[in-house]
Amino acid sequence: MTTLIPAPRTAERLVADLFAIIDERRWDDLPNVFALDCVYERPGYDPLAGLADVDLFYRHTRIISTGRHQVDRVVSDLGSAACWGRFTGRDRLGRPLEEGFADTYLVRDGKIVHRTTYFFRAAI
């Protein structure tokens, strides 16, 4: 009998999965991409420490109501990755948002343990 071992998730797949979950507002799927002990640093907010803080941020704090991330590029090595692209959407008041972004990630066992988001200016 042959046991199939699933291939590890690539950085490209992890980033695609992350933004699909965020853009589709599938908050219950956040544990599929974030480790329980993750840290998320984002301009304008105190660091989010742990999956519960990340979940709370996306469900209740984030000013964005709808939108899509367009990732232009993902680069990675064994334990880290970076991507950059553009976000287009609307805030909770219906105002349009458009912003370039870059993210860096530290990854362990196929999940994000540290994420930092960068914007060109104080933004979303």
Protein backbone atom coordinates (compact mmCIF):
# COMPACT_ATOMS: atom_id res chain seq x y z
CA MET A 1 0.00 0.00 0.00
CA THR A 2 1.31 3.42 -0.96
CA THR A 3 0.74 6.35 1.37
CA LEU A 4 0.35 9.66 -0.40
CA ILE A 5 1.88 12.61 1.38
CA PRO A 6 0.42 15.91 0.25
CA ALA A 7 2.89 18.35 -1.24
CA PRO A 8 3.59 21.36 0.96
CA ARG A 9 1.63 24.48 0.06
CA THR A 10 3.71 26.87 -2.04
CA ALA A 11 4.05 30.52 -1.10
CA GLU A 12 2.03 31.43 -4.17
CA ARG A 13 -0.79 29.11 -3.06
CA LEU A 14 -0.68 30.39 0.54
CA VAL A 15 -0.92 34.03 -0.62
CA ALA A 16 -3.72 33.16 -3.08
CA ASP A 17 -5.59 31.29 -0.33
CA LEU A 18 -5.10 34.18 2.12
CA PHE A 19 -6.50 36.82 -0.22
CA ALA A 20 -9.36 34.59 -1.40
CA ILE A 21 -10.41 34.16 2.24
CA ILE A 22 -10.14 37.91 2.91
CA ASP A 23 -11.79 39.07 -0.31
CA GLU A 24 -14.64 36.57 0.06
CA ARG A 25 -15.00 37.43 3.79
CA ARG A 26 -14.67 33.76 4.79
CA TRP A 27 -13.53 34.55 8.32
CA ASP A 28 -14.12 31.00 9.56
CA ASP A 29 -11.36 29.91 7.15
CA LEU A 30 -8.68 32.20 8.66
CA PRO A 31 -7.21 29.23 10.63
CA ASN A 32 -6.41 27.61 7.27
CA VAL A 33 -3.77 30.28 6.60
CA PHE A 34 -2.83 31.77 9.99
CA ALA A 35 -1.12 29.90 12.84
CA LEU A 36 -2.74 30.14 16.27
CA ASP A 37 0.24 32.15 17.55
CA CYS A 38 0.48 34.47 14.54
CA VAL A 39 1.30 38.16 14.66
CA TYR A 40 -0.04 40.63 12.09
CA GLU A 41 1.49 44.10 11.87
CA ARG A 42 -0.36 46.71 9.84
CA PRO A 43 0.06 50.51 9.65
CA GLY A 44 -2.29 52.40 11.95
CA TYR A 45 -3.01 49.48 14.30
CA ASP A 46 -1.29 47.89 17.25
CA PRO A 47 0.14 44.48 16.33
CA LEU A 48 -2.52 41.78 16.26
CA ALA A 49 -1.18 38.95 18.43
CA GLY A 50 -2.78 35.57 17.90
CA LEU A 51 -5.44 34.18 15.62
CA ALA A 52 -8.25 35.51 17.85
CA ASP A 53 -6.99 39.11 17.37
CA VAL A 54 -6.66 38.62 13.61
CA ASP A 55 -10.20 37.21 13.46
CA LEU A 56 -11.58 40.12 15.52
CA PHE A 57 -9.82 42.61 13.25
CA TYR A 58 -11.32 41.18 10.07
CA ARG A 59 -14.81 40.71 11.49
CA HIS A 60 -15.19 44.01 13.37
CA THR A 61 -12.30 46.50 13.11
CA ARG A 62 -11.19 46.62 9.48
CA ILE A 63 -12.60 49.66 7.64
CA ILE A 64 -12.98 47.74 4.38
CA SER A 65 -16.42 46.36 3.52
CA THR A 66 -15.72 44.90 0.09
CA GLY A 67 -12.88 44.64 -2.38
CA ARG A 68 -10.30 42.57 -4.18
CA HIS A 69 -6.56 42.15 -3.91
CA GLN A 70 -4.66 41.87 -7.17
CA VAL A 71 -1.30 40.25 -6.43
CA ASP A 72 1.35 41.15 -8.98
CA ARG A 73 4.16 38.99 -7.65
CA VAL A 74 5.09 36.53 -4.91
CA VAL A 75 8.67 35.68 -4.00
CA SER A 76 9.76 33.21 -1.34
CA ASP A 77 12.37 31.02 0.20
CA LEU A 78 11.95 28.17 2.67
CA GLY A 79 10.45 30.09 5.58
CA SER A 80 9.52 33.50 4.27
CA ALA A 81 7.63 35.14 1.45
CA ALA A 82 6.74 38.57 0.13
CA CYS A 83 4.13 39.82 -2.29
CA TRP A 84 2.97 43.08 -3.72
CA GLY A 85 0.00 44.31 -5.64
CA ARG A 86 -3.05 46.54 -5.51
CA PHE A 87 -6.26 46.59 -3.51
CA THR A 88 -9.49 48.06 -4.90
CA GLY A 89 -12.71 48.19 -2.92
CA ARG A 90 -14.99 50.21 -0.65
CA ASP A 91 -14.91 51.20 2.98
CA ARG A 92 -17.81 50.70 5.40
CA LEU A 93 -19.30 54.05 4.36
CA GLY A 94 -19.25 53.06 0.68
CA ARG A 95 -16.32 55.28 -0.27
CA PRO A 96 -13.95 53.92 -2.93
CA LEU A 97 -10.54 52.63 -1.87
CA GLU A 98 -7.54 51.94 -4.05
CA GLU A 99 -4.08 51.34 -2.68
CA GLY A 100 -0.83 49.65 -3.55
CA PHE A 101 0.46 47.27 -0.89
CA ALA A 102 3.31 44.94 -0.06
CA ASP A 103 3.27 42.10 2.47
CA THR A 104 6.01 40.06 4.07
CA TYR A 105 5.39 36.70 5.72
CA LEU A 106 7.15 34.25 7.96
CA VAL A 107 5.73 30.78 7.46
CA ARG A 108 5.78 27.65 9.61
CA ASP A 109 4.13 24.34 8.68
CA GLY A 110 2.32 25.97 5.76
CA LYS A 111 0.72 28.74 7.84
CA ILE A 112 1.52 32.40 8.42
CA VAL A 113 3.18 33.05 11.77
CA HIS A 114 4.07 36.68 11.04
CA ARG A 115 2.61 39.07 8.48
CA THR A 116 3.53 42.70 7.94
CA THR A 117 1.60 44.88 5.52
CA TYR A 118 3.09 48.05 4.01
CA PHE A 119 1.31 50.90 2.24
CA PHE A 120 2.87 53.74 0.27
CA ARG A 121 1.11 56.23 2.56
CA ALA A 122 -1.11 56.18 5.62
CA ALA A 123 -4.06 54.39 4.10
CA ILE A 124 -6.43 51.52 4.71
